[in-house]
Amino acid sequence: MDQLPTREEDIEQASRSLKAMAHPLRLKVLCVLGSEEMSVQDIVAAVGTTQSNISQHLAILREKDILRARKDANKVYYRVGDPRTLRLIAMMSDVFCHVR
């Protein structure tokens, strides 16, 4: 088993990531994004809720340093900013989503 984080900043980042992922809609957003960059409109379409609701959850993920945003004209694009978060999502998918 890999070593667990011991540096304070690693523990803080892990805690922020896990807290943010604890909400089903935010976890769904992260799973939809994966390693892709998507506009807010595309995220809304993929997740199936209102733009207002998605925007609130995207703001939380951004505040927790999980998502990065890029503005292009009148659209905002989001991506997962930390490759460790992508690995965590992949591991959760492997553990919880694959038929045994």
Protein backbone atom coordinates (compact mmCIF):
# COMPACT_ATOMS: atom_id res chain seq x y z
CA MET A 1 0.00 0.00 0.00
CA ASP A 2 1.25 3.49 -0.80
CA GLN A 3 2.30 5.72 2.05
CA LEU A 4 -0.43 7.91 3.52
CA PRO A 5 0.13 11.68 3.45
CA THR A 6 2.03 13.10 6.41
CA ARG A 7 2.88 16.63 5.26
CA GLU A 8 0.39 19.15 6.60
CA GLU A 9 -0.40 20.67 3.17
CA ASP A 10 -0.99 17.19 1.67
CA ILE A 11 -3.35 16.30 4.50
CA GLU A 12 -5.19 19.62 4.08
CA GLN A 13 -5.58 19.08 0.31
CA ALA A 14 -6.78 15.51 0.84
CA SER A 15 -9.31 16.69 3.41
CA ARG A 16 -10.60 19.48 1.13
CA SER A 17 -10.94 17.06 -1.77
CA LEU A 18 -12.78 14.43 0.24
CA LYS A 19 -15.15 16.98 1.82
CA ALA A 20 -15.98 18.44 -1.58
CA MET A 21 -16.57 14.99 -3.09
CA ALA A 22 -18.85 14.01 -0.21
CA HIS A 23 -21.84 15.65 -1.94
CA PRO A 24 -23.39 13.41 -4.64
CA LEU A 25 -23.81 16.21 -7.20
CA ARG A 26 -20.23 17.44 -6.80
CA LEU A 27 -18.94 13.89 -7.13
CA LYS A 28 -21.02 13.49 -10.28
CA VAL A 29 -19.57 16.73 -11.69
CA LEU A 30 -16.04 15.50 -11.00
CA CYS A 31 -16.79 12.13 -12.62
CA VAL A 32 -18.29 13.86 -15.68
CA LEU A 33 -15.29 16.16 -16.00
CA GLY A 34 -12.66 13.48 -15.50
CA SER A 35 -9.58 14.68 -17.34
CA GLU A 36 -11.62 16.82 -19.75
CA GLU A 37 -12.30 20.54 -19.79
CA MET A 38 -15.98 21.41 -20.15
CA SER A 39 -18.10 24.53 -20.28
CA VAL A 40 -20.71 25.18 -17.61
CA GLN A 41 -23.43 24.53 -20.20
CA ASP A 42 -21.92 21.14 -21.10
CA ILE A 43 -21.66 20.20 -17.42
CA VAL A 44 -25.32 21.17 -16.89
CA ALA A 45 -26.37 18.99 -19.84
CA ALA A 46 -24.26 16.03 -18.70
CA VAL A 47 -25.32 16.16 -15.05
CA GLY A 48 -28.97 17.01 -15.62
CA THR A 49 -29.73 19.83 -13.21
CA THR A 50 -30.14 23.60 -13.41
CA GLN A 51 -27.34 26.01 -14.24
CA SER A 52 -27.94 27.83 -10.96
CA ASN A 53 -27.48 24.62 -8.98
CA ILE A 54 -24.36 23.60 -10.92
CA SER A 55 -22.86 27.08 -10.55
CA GLN A 56 -23.17 26.89 -6.76
CA HIS A 57 -21.42 23.53 -6.66
CA LEU A 58 -18.73 24.60 -9.13
CA ALA A 59 -17.99 27.59 -6.88
CA ILE A 60 -17.50 25.26 -3.91
CA LEU A 61 -15.17 23.01 -5.90
CA ARG A 62 -13.23 26.07 -7.08
CA GLU A 63 -12.95 27.46 -3.53
CA LYS A 64 -11.56 24.11 -2.35
CA ASP A 65 -8.87 24.28 -5.07
CA ILE A 66 -10.23 21.20 -6.82
CA LEU A 67 -11.34 22.86 -10.05
CA ARG A 68 -9.62 25.39 -12.27
CA ALA A 69 -11.66 27.81 -14.37
CA ARG A 70 -10.83 29.44 -17.68
CA LYS A 71 -12.93 32.16 -19.25
CA ASP A 72 -13.23 32.37 -23.03
CA ALA A 73 -15.46 35.17 -24.31
CA ASN A 74 -18.82 34.56 -22.60
CA LYS A 75 -18.17 30.95 -21.55
CA VAL A 76 -16.41 29.55 -18.51
CA TYR A 77 -14.61 26.23 -18.81
CA TYR A 78 -13.74 23.99 -15.88
CA ARG A 79 -11.23 21.20 -15.37
CA VAL A 80 -9.94 19.21 -12.41
CA GLY A 81 -6.81 21.04 -11.33
CA ASP A 82 -4.95 18.38 -9.38
CA PRO A 83 -3.93 15.05 -10.95
CA ARG A 84 -4.17 13.42 -7.51
CA THR A 85 -7.90 14.19 -7.49
CA LEU A 86 -8.22 12.49 -10.89
CA ARG A 87 -6.48 9.40 -9.51
CA LEU A 88 -8.80 9.39 -6.50
CA ILE A 89 -11.88 9.60 -8.75
CA ALA A 90 -10.52 6.75 -10.89
CA MET A 91 -9.92 4.60 -7.81
CA MET A 92 -13.43 5.29 -6.47
CA SER A 93 -14.87 4.39 -9.86
CA ASP A 94 -12.89 1.17 -9.88
CA VAL A 95 -14.00 0.24 -6.36
CA PHE A 96 -17.67 1.30 -6.51
CA CYS A 97 -18.71 1.24 -10.17
CA HIS A 98 -17.31 -1.97 -11.62
CA VAL A 99 -19.38 -5.14 -11.44
CA ARG A 100 -17.70 -7.85 -9.41
